[in-house]
Amino acid sequence: MTKDVFHAIADPNRRHLLEELRRQPQTVNELANGLPISRPAVSQHLKALLDSGLVTVESKGTSRIYAVRMDGFMHVNLWVDQFWS
């Protein structure tokens, strides 16, 4: 079941993770460095972003690498664009 994109991006920690992933794909451990939340909390936030279609995950060996899924933002773009036309 896909979660609501707007609910997913409402959380400031998730927005921060998206900003980090926009720069480059990263693992949970890389994303957790420098954040005031635990690694399991980062994993939970990434799960919500994954369920909403905003990120992808790829397994490489024992690592799971997360990246922004650009087409996942289409719904957000369409909704925001209606206010500018």
PDB file of N, CA and C in Angstrom:
ATOM      1  N   MET A   1       0.847  -1.191   0.000  1.00  0.00           N
ATOM      2  CA  MET A   1       0.000   0.000   0.000  1.00  0.00           C
ATOM      3  C   MET A   1       0.888   1.249   0.000  1.00  0.00           C
ATOM      4  N   THR A   2       0.648   2.125  -0.929  1.00  0.00           N
ATOM      5  CA  THR A   2       1.430   3.343  -1.024  1.00  0.00           C
ATOM      6  C   THR A   2       0.903   4.382  -0.051  1.00  0.00           C
ATOM      7  N   LYS A   3       1.808   4.944   0.703  1.00  0.00           N
ATOM      8  CA  LYS A   3       1.429   5.981   1.642  1.00  0.00           C
ATOM      9  C   LYS A   3       1.355   7.319   0.923  1.00  0.00           C
ATOM     10  N   ASP A   4       0.649   8.253   1.537  1.00  0.00           N
ATOM     11  CA  ASP A   4       0.496   9.585   0.985  1.00  0.00           C
ATOM     12  C   ASP A   4       1.843  10.319   0.955  1.00  0.00           C
ATOM     13  N   VAL A   5       2.209  10.827  -0.197  1.00  0.00           N
ATOM     14  CA  VAL A   5       3.468  11.544  -0.370  1.00  0.00           C
ATOM     15  C   VAL A   5       3.531  12.757   0.552  1.00  0.00           C
ATOM     16  N   PHE A   6       2.434  13.458   0.673  1.00  0.00           N
ATOM     17  CA  PHE A   6       2.433  14.667   1.495  1.00  0.00           C
ATOM     18  C   PHE A   6       2.630  14.337   2.974  1.00  0.00           C
ATOM     19  N   HIS A   7       2.080  13.226   3.408  1.00  0.00           N
ATOM     20  CA  HIS A   7       2.312  12.776   4.782  1.00  0.00           C
ATOM     21  C   HIS A   7       3.792  12.425   4.968  1.00  0.00           C
ATOM     22  N   ALA A   8       4.365  11.778   3.975  1.00  0.00           N
ATOM     23  CA  ALA A   8       5.768  11.371   4.062  1.00  0.00           C
ATOM     24  C   ALA A   8       6.703  12.574   4.163  1.00  0.00           C
ATOM     25  N   ILE A   9       6.434  13.625   3.404  1.00  0.00           N
ATOM     26  CA  ILE A   9       7.345  14.777   3.419  1.00  0.00           C
ATOM     27  C   ILE A   9       7.001  15.788   4.508  1.00  0.00           C
ATOM     28  N   ALA A  10       5.941  15.521   5.265  1.00  0.00           N
ATOM     29  CA  ALA A  10       5.572  16.431   6.361  1.00  0.00           C
ATOM     30  C   ALA A  10       6.575  16.370   7.503  1.00  0.00           C
ATOM     31  N   ASP A  11       7.256  15.258   7.657  1.00  0.00           N
ATOM     32  CA  ASP A  11       8.203  15.089   8.752  1.00  0.00           C
ATOM     33  C   ASP A  11       9.547  15.750   8.411  1.00  0.00           C
ATOM     34  N   PRO A  12      10.076  16.617   9.288  1.00  0.00           N
ATOM     35  CA  PRO A  12      11.340  17.299   8.987  1.00  0.00           C
ATOM     36  C   PRO A  12      12.533  16.350   8.849  1.00  0.00           C
ATOM     37  N   ASN A  13      12.534  15.243   9.585  1.00  0.00           N
ATOM     38  CA  ASN A  13      13.625  14.276   9.448  1.00  0.00           C
ATOM     39  C   ASN A  13      13.609  13.639   8.070  1.00  0.00           C
ATOM     40  N   ARG A  14      12.436  13.357   7.546  1.00  0.00           N
ATOM     41  CA  ARG A  14      12.328  12.767   6.209  1.00  0.00           C
ATOM     42  C   ARG A  14      12.750  13.762   5.140  1.00  0.00           C
ATOM     43  N   ARG A  15      12.376  15.022   5.323  1.00  0.00           N
ATOM     44  CA  ARG A  15      12.810  16.044   4.359  1.00  0.00           C
ATOM     45  C   ARG A  15      14.333  16.156   4.371  1.00  0.00           C
ATOM     46  N   HIS A  16      14.930  16.069   5.553  1.00  0.00           N
ATOM     47  CA  HIS A  16      16.390  16.125   5.650  1.00  0.00           C
ATOM     48  C   HIS A  16      17.013  14.931   4.912  1.00  0.00           C
ATOM     49  N   LEU A  17      16.446  13.745   5.113  1.00  0.00           N
ATOM     50  CA  LEU A  17      16.961  12.563   4.420  1.00  0.00           C
ATOM     51  C   LEU A  17      16.854  12.718   2.906  1.00  0.00           C
ATOM     52  N   LEU A  18      15.738  13.264   2.438  1.00  0.00           N
ATOM     53  CA  LEU A  18      15.581  13.492   0.997  1.00  0.00           C
ATOM     54  C   LEU A  18      16.619  14.478   0.480  1.00  0.00           C
ATOM     55  N   GLU A  19      16.901  15.518   1.247  1.00  0.00           N
ATOM     56  CA  GLU A  19      17.923  16.488   0.832  1.00  0.00           C
ATOM     57  C   GLU A  19      19.293  15.833   0.745  1.00  0.00           C
ATOM     58  N   GLU A  20      19.599  14.967   1.697  1.00  0.00           N
ATOM     59  CA  GLU A  20      20.876  14.252   1.657  1.00  0.00           C
ATOM     60  C   GLU A  20      20.931  13.305   0.462  1.00  0.00           C
ATOM     61  N   LEU A  21      19.849  12.597   0.211  1.00  0.00           N
ATOM     62  CA  LEU A  21      19.815  11.659  -0.910  1.00  0.00           C
ATOM     63  C   LEU A  21      19.812  12.366  -2.256  1.00  0.00           C
ATOM     64  N   ARG A  22      19.335  13.592  -2.273  1.00  0.00           N
ATOM     65  CA  ARG A  22      19.367  14.369  -3.522  1.00  0.00           C
ATOM     66  C   ARG A  22      20.814  14.607  -3.949  1.00  0.00           C
ATOM     67  N   ARG A  23      21.701  14.740  -2.983  1.00  0.00           N
ATOM     68  CA  ARG A  23      23.122  14.959  -3.277  1.00  0.00           C
ATOM     69  C   ARG A  23      23.777  13.701  -3.843  1.00  0.00           C
ATOM     70  N   GLN A  24      23.439  12.542  -3.231  1.00  0.00           N
ATOM     71  CA  GLN A  24      24.002  11.268  -3.693  1.00  0.00           C
ATOM     72  C   GLN A  24      23.326  10.114  -2.970  1.00  0.00           C
ATOM     73  N   PRO A  25      23.250   8.949  -3.612  1.00  0.00           N
ATOM     74  CA  PRO A  25      22.713   7.764  -2.938  1.00  0.00           C
ATOM     75  C   PRO A  25      23.580   7.419  -1.723  1.00  0.00           C
ATOM     76  N   GLN A  26      22.927   6.921  -0.662  1.00  0.00           N
ATOM     77  CA  GLN A  26      23.646   6.623   0.571  1.00  0.00           C
ATOM     78  C   GLN A  26      23.023   5.440   1.300  1.00  0.00           C
ATOM     79  N   THR A  27      23.799   4.863   2.213  1.00  0.00           N
ATOM     80  CA  THR A  27      23.308   3.798   3.076  1.00  0.00           C
ATOM     81  C   THR A  27      22.670   4.403   4.324  1.00  0.00           C
ATOM     82  N   VAL A  28      21.995   3.560   5.090  1.00  0.00           N
ATOM     83  CA  VAL A  28      21.388   4.020   6.347  1.00  0.00           C
ATOM     84  C   VAL A  28      22.459   4.564   7.274  1.00  0.00           C
ATOM     85  N   ASN A  29      23.578   3.861   7.395  1.00  0.00           N
ATOM     86  CA  ASN A  29      24.646   4.314   8.285  1.00  0.00           C
ATOM     87  C   ASN A  29      25.190   5.668   7.872  1.00  0.00           C
ATOM     88  N   GLU A  30      25.375   5.866   6.574  1.00  0.00           N
ATOM     89  CA  GLU A  30      25.858   7.163   6.098  1.00  0.00           C
ATOM     90  C   GLU A  30      24.849   8.263   6.420  1.00  0.00           C
ATOM     91  N   LEU A  31      23.575   7.975   6.243  1.00  0.00           N
ATOM     92  CA  LEU A  31      22.537   8.965   6.513  1.00  0.00           C
ATOM     93  C   LEU A  31      22.409   9.254   8.008  1.00  0.00           C
ATOM     94  N   ALA A  32      22.629   8.243   8.841  1.00  0.00           N
ATOM     95  CA  ALA A  32      22.464   8.409  10.287  1.00  0.00           C
ATOM     96  C   ALA A  32      23.579   9.247  10.904  1.00  0.00           C
ATOM     97  N   ASN A  33      24.751   9.277  10.262  1.00  0.00           N
ATOM     98  CA  ASN A  33      25.854  10.085  10.799  1.00  0.00           C
ATOM     99  C   ASN A  33      25.461  11.551  10.852  1.00  0.00           C
ATOM    100  N   GLY A  34      25.607  12.143  12.009  1.00  0.00           N
ATOM    101  CA  GLY A  34      25.321  13.565  12.161  1.00  0.00           C
ATOM    102  C   GLY A  34      23.867  13.891  12.441  1.00  0.00           C
ATOM    103  N   LEU A  35      23.004  12.890  12.508  1.00  0.00           N
ATOM    104  CA  LEU A  35      21.600  13.142  12.827  1.00  0.00           C
ATOM    105  C   LEU A  35      21.344  12.858  14.306  1.00  0.00           C
ATOM    106  N   PRO A  36      20.450  13.615  14.916  1.00  0.00           N
ATOM    107  CA  PRO A  36      20.156  13.391  16.340  1.00  0.00           C
ATOM    108  C   PRO A  36      19.156  12.256  16.588  1.00  0.00           C
ATOM    109  N   ILE A  37      18.963  11.391  15.591  1.00  0.00           N
ATOM    110  CA  ILE A  37      18.059  10.255  15.748  1.00  0.00           C
ATOM    111  C   ILE A  37      18.848   8.965  15.527  1.00  0.00           C
ATOM    112  N   SER A  38      18.339   7.871  16.032  1.00  0.00           N
ATOM    113  CA  SER A  38      19.042   6.595  15.957  1.00  0.00           C
ATOM    114  C   SER A  38      19.014   6.009  14.543  1.00  0.00           C
ATOM    115  N   ARG A  39      19.903   5.049  14.309  1.00  0.00           N
ATOM    116  CA  ARG A  39      19.924   4.368  13.020  1.00  0.00           C
ATOM    117  C   ARG A  39      18.609   3.644  12.754  1.00  0.00           C
ATOM    118  N   PRO A  40      18.011   2.964  13.767  1.00  0.00           N
ATOM    119  CA  PRO A  40      16.697   2.354  13.513  1.00  0.00           C
ATOM    120  C   PRO A  40      15.621   3.384  13.148  1.00  0.00           C
ATOM    121  N   ALA A  41      15.695   4.572  13.743  1.00  0.00           N
ATOM    122  CA  ALA A  41      14.729   5.628  13.396  1.00  0.00           C
ATOM    123  C   ALA A  41      14.927   6.072  11.948  1.00  0.00           C
ATOM    124  N   VAL A  42      16.180   6.178  11.525  1.00  0.00           N
ATOM    125  CA  VAL A  42      16.466   6.533  10.129  1.00  0.00           C
ATOM    126  C   VAL A  42      15.874   5.468   9.201  1.00  0.00           C
ATOM    127  N   SER A  43      16.038   4.199   9.572  1.00  0.00           N
ATOM    128  CA  SER A  43      15.472   3.109   8.769  1.00  0.00           C
ATOM    129  C   SER A  43      13.957   3.215   8.670  1.00  0.00           C
ATOM    130  N   GLN A  44      13.306   3.563   9.773  1.00  0.00           N
ATOM    131  CA  GLN A  44      11.844   3.713   9.761  1.00  0.00           C
ATOM    132  C   GLN A  44      11.421   4.865   8.855  1.00  0.00           C
ATOM    133  N   HIS A  45      12.152   5.964   8.913  1.00  0.00           N
ATOM    134  CA  HIS A  45      11.834   7.101   8.038  1.00  0.00           C
ATOM    135  C   HIS A  45      12.051   6.729   6.573  1.00  0.00           C
ATOM    136  N   LEU A  46      13.122   5.994   6.290  1.00  0.00           N
ATOM    137  CA  LEU A  46      13.374   5.568   4.914  1.00  0.00           C
ATOM    138  C   LEU A  46      12.286   4.621   4.430  1.00  0.00           C
ATOM    139  N   LYS A  47      11.779   3.780   5.308  1.00  0.00           N
ATOM    140  CA  LYS A  47      10.674   2.874   4.954  1.00  0.00           C
ATOM    141  C   LYS A  47       9.452   3.680   4.530  1.00  0.00           C
ATOM    142  N   ALA A  48       9.137   4.744   5.275  1.00  0.00           N
ATOM    143  CA  ALA A  48       7.993   5.589   4.920  1.00  0.00           C
ATOM    144  C   ALA A  48       8.217   6.261   3.563  1.00  0.00           C
ATOM    145  N   LEU A  49       9.445   6.714   3.307  1.00  0.00           N
ATOM    146  CA  LEU A  49       9.756   7.334   2.014  1.00  0.00           C
ATOM    147  C   LEU A  49       9.709   6.310   0.888  1.00  0.00           C
ATOM    148  N   LEU A  50      10.143   5.106   1.177  1.00  0.00           N
ATOM    149  CA  LEU A  50      10.089   4.019   0.198  1.00  0.00           C
ATOM    150  C   LEU A  50       8.641   3.654  -0.114  1.00  0.00           C
ATOM    151  N   ASP A  51       7.817   3.525   0.925  1.00  0.00           N
ATOM    152  CA  ASP A  51       6.402   3.182   0.738  1.00  0.00           C
ATOM    153  C   ASP A  51       5.644   4.257  -0.038  1.00  0.00           C
ATOM    154  N   SER A  52       6.073   5.504   0.095  1.00  0.00           N
ATOM    155  CA  SER A  52       5.389   6.587  -0.618  1.00  0.00           C
ATOM    156  C   SER A  52       5.934   6.775  -2.035  1.00  0.00           C
ATOM    157  N   GLY A  53       6.949   6.008  -2.397  1.00  0.00           N
ATOM    158  CA  GLY A  53       7.484   6.072  -3.762  1.00  0.00           C
ATOM    159  C   GLY A  53       8.486   7.178  -3.995  1.00  0.00           C
ATOM    160  N   LEU A  54       9.009   7.776  -2.918  1.00  0.00           N
ATOM    161  CA  LEU A  54       9.942   8.891  -3.074  1.00  0.00           C
ATOM    162  C   LEU A  54      11.399   8.460  -3.129  1.00  0.00           C
ATOM    163  N   VAL A  55      11.702   7.258  -2.678  1.00  0.00           N
ATOM    164  CA  VAL A  55      13.062   6.749  -2.743  1.00  0.00           C
ATOM    165  C   VAL A  55      13.051   5.321  -3.268  1.00  0.00           C
ATOM    166  N   THR A  56      14.206   4.895  -3.740  1.00  0.00           N
ATOM    167  CA  THR A  56      14.422   3.515  -4.151  1.00  0.00           C
ATOM    168  C   THR A  56      15.511   2.930  -3.265  1.00  0.00           C
ATOM    169  N   VAL A  57      15.609   1.619  -3.255  1.00  0.00           N
ATOM    170  CA  VAL A  57      16.678   0.953  -2.514  1.00  0.00           C
ATOM    171  C   VAL A  57      17.256  -0.148  -3.384  1.00  0.00           C
ATOM    172  N   GLU A  58      18.575  -0.258  -3.348  1.00  0.00           N
ATOM    173  CA  GLU A  58      19.286  -1.274  -4.131  1.00  0.00           C
ATOM    174  C   GLU A  58      20.254  -1.984  -3.199  1.00  0.00           C
ATOM    175  N   SER A  59      20.241  -3.292  -3.235  1.00  0.00           N
ATOM    176  CA  SER A  59      21.166  -4.070  -2.417  1.00  0.00           C
ATOM    177  C   SER A  59      22.470  -4.263  -3.169  1.00  0.00           C
ATOM    178  N   LYS A  60      23.572  -3.963  -2.482  1.00  0.00           N
ATOM    179  CA  LYS A  60      24.920  -4.209  -3.009  1.00  0.00           C
ATOM    180  C   LYS A  60      25.695  -4.916  -1.910  1.00  0.00           C
ATOM    181  N   GLY A  61      25.870  -6.220  -2.070  1.00  0.00           N
ATOM    182  CA  GLY A  61      26.504  -6.997  -1.016  1.00  0.00           C
ATOM    183  C   GLY A  61      25.630  -6.974   0.226  1.00  0.00           C
ATOM    184  N   THR A  62      26.195  -6.531   1.336  1.00  0.00           N
ATOM    185  CA  THR A  62      25.431  -6.450   2.577  1.00  0.00           C
ATOM    186  C   THR A  62      24.832  -5.067   2.794  1.00  0.00           C
ATOM    187  N   SER A  63      25.066  -4.158   1.875  1.00  0.00           N
ATOM    188  CA  SER A  63      24.567  -2.784   2.012  1.00  0.00           C
ATOM    189  C   SER A  63      23.288  -2.577   1.228  1.00  0.00           C
ATOM    190  N   ARG A  64      22.452  -1.718   1.750  1.00  0.00           N
ATOM    191  CA  ARG A  64      21.246  -1.267   1.045  1.00  0.00           C
ATOM    192  C   ARG A  64      21.439   0.221   0.777  1.00  0.00           C
ATOM    193  N   ILE A  65      21.433   0.575  -0.490  1.00  0.00           N
ATOM    194  CA  ILE A  65      21.719   1.944  -0.889  1.00  0.00           C
ATOM    195  C   ILE A  65      20.425   2.615  -1.336  1.00  0.00           C
ATOM    196  N   TYR A  66      20.120   3.724  -0.688  1.00  0.00           N
ATOM    197  CA  TYR A  66      18.897   4.478  -0.966  1.00  0.00           C
ATOM    198  C   TYR A  66      19.212   5.640  -1.888  1.00  0.00           C
ATOM    199  N   ALA A  67      18.255   5.956  -2.758  1.00  0.00           N
ATOM    200  CA  ALA A  67      18.391   7.068  -3.700  1.00  0.00           C
ATOM    201  C   ALA A  67      17.017   7.698  -3.916  1.00  0.00           C
ATOM    202  N   VAL A  68      17.023   8.953  -4.319  1.00  0.00           N
ATOM    203  CA  VAL A  68      15.777   9.653  -4.631  1.00  0.00           C
ATOM    204  C   VAL A  68      15.190   9.053  -5.900  1.00  0.00           C
ATOM    205  N   ARG A  69      13.894   8.868  -5.899  1.00  0.00           N
ATOM    206  CA  ARG A  69      13.161   8.385  -7.078  1.00  0.00           C
ATOM    207  C   ARG A  69      12.444   9.596  -7.661  1.00  0.00           C
ATOM    208  N   MET A  70      13.015  10.173  -8.688  1.00  0.00           N
ATOM    209  CA  MET A  70      12.518  11.433  -9.235  1.00  0.00           C
ATOM    210  C   MET A  70      11.060  11.344  -9.685  1.00  0.00           C
ATOM    211  N   ASP A  71      10.659  10.240 -10.305  1.00  0.00           N
ATOM    212  CA  ASP A  71       9.277  10.153 -10.764  1.00  0.00           C
ATOM    213  C   ASP A  71       8.303  10.043  -9.591  1.00  0.00           C
ATOM    214  N   GLY A  72       8.805   9.737  -8.407  1.00  0.00           N
ATOM    215  CA  GLY A  72       7.954   9.710  -7.220  1.00  0.00           C
ATOM    216  C   GLY A  72       7.457  11.086  -6.821  1.00  0.00           C
ATOM    217  N   PHE A  73       8.131  12.116  -7.289  1.00  0.00           N
ATOM    218  CA  PHE A  73       7.741  13.492  -6.967  1.00  0.00           C
ATOM    219  C   PHE A  73       6.744  14.073  -7.966  1.00  0.00           C
ATOM    220  N   MET A  74       6.349  13.297  -8.974  1.00  0.00           N
ATOM    221  CA  MET A  74       5.435  13.799 -10.003  1.00  0.00           C
ATOM    222  C   MET A  74       4.111  14.273  -9.402  1.00  0.00           C
ATOM    223  N   HIS A  75       3.559  13.504  -8.473  1.00  0.00           N
ATOM    224  CA  HIS A  75       2.292  13.889  -7.841  1.00  0.00           C
ATOM    225  C   HIS A  75       2.432  15.235  -7.113  1.00  0.00           C
ATOM    226  N   VAL A  76       3.535  15.404  -6.406  1.00  0.00           N
ATOM    227  CA  VAL A  76       3.785  16.662  -5.700  1.00  0.00           C
ATOM    228  C   VAL A  76       3.921  17.802  -6.704  1.00  0.00           C
ATOM    229  N   ASN A  77       4.687  17.565  -7.761  1.00  0.00           N
ATOM    230  CA  ASN A  77       4.882  18.598  -8.785  1.00  0.00           C
ATOM    231  C   ASN A  77       3.566  19.013  -9.430  1.00  0.00           C
ATOM    232  N   LEU A  78       2.745  18.046  -9.782  1.00  0.00           N
ATOM    233  CA  LEU A  78       1.458  18.353 -10.420  1.00  0.00           C
ATOM    234  C   LEU A  78       0.557  19.144  -9.482  1.00  0.00           C
ATOM    235  N   TRP A  79       0.548  18.762  -8.204  1.00  0.00           N
ATOM    236  CA  TRP A  79      -0.305  19.452  -7.244  1.00  0.00           C
ATOM    237  C   TRP A  79       0.164  20.890  -7.035  1.00  0.00           C
ATOM    238  N   VAL A  80       1.455  21.091  -6.885  1.00  0.00           N
ATOM    239  CA  VAL A  80       1.983  22.448  -6.669  1.00  0.00           C
ATOM    240  C   VAL A  80       1.832  23.294  -7.922  1.00  0.00           C
ATOM    241  N   ASP A  81       2.078  22.711  -9.079  1.00  0.00           N
ATOM    242  CA  ASP A  81       1.996  23.466 -10.336  1.00  0.00           C
ATOM    243  C   ASP A  81       0.617  24.050 -10.593  1.00  0.00           C
ATOM    244  N   GLN A  82      -0.427  23.436 -10.077  1.00  0.00           N
ATOM    245  CA  GLN A  82      -1.777  23.963 -10.314  1.00  0.00           C
ATOM    246  C   GLN A  82      -1.959  25.357  -9.717  1.00  0.00           C
ATOM    247  N   PHE A  83      -1.141  25.715  -8.740  1.00  0.00           N
ATOM    248  CA  PHE A  83      -1.251  27.028  -8.121  1.00  0.00           C
ATOM    249  C   PHE A  83      -0.533  28.106  -8.897  1.00  0.00           C
ATOM    250  N   TRP A  84       0.302  27.710  -9.855  1.00  0.00           N
ATOM    251  CA  TRP A  84       1.069  28.672 -10.634  1.00  0.00           C
ATOM    252  C   TRP A  84       0.495  28.885 -12.011  1.00  0.00           C
ATOM    253  N   SER A  85      -0.510  28.107 -12.390  1.00  0.00           N
ATOM    254  CA  SER A  85      -1.046  28.273 -13.747  1.00  0.00           C
ATOM    255  C   SER A  85      -2.295  29.123 -13.764  1.00  0.00           C
TER     256      SER A  85
END
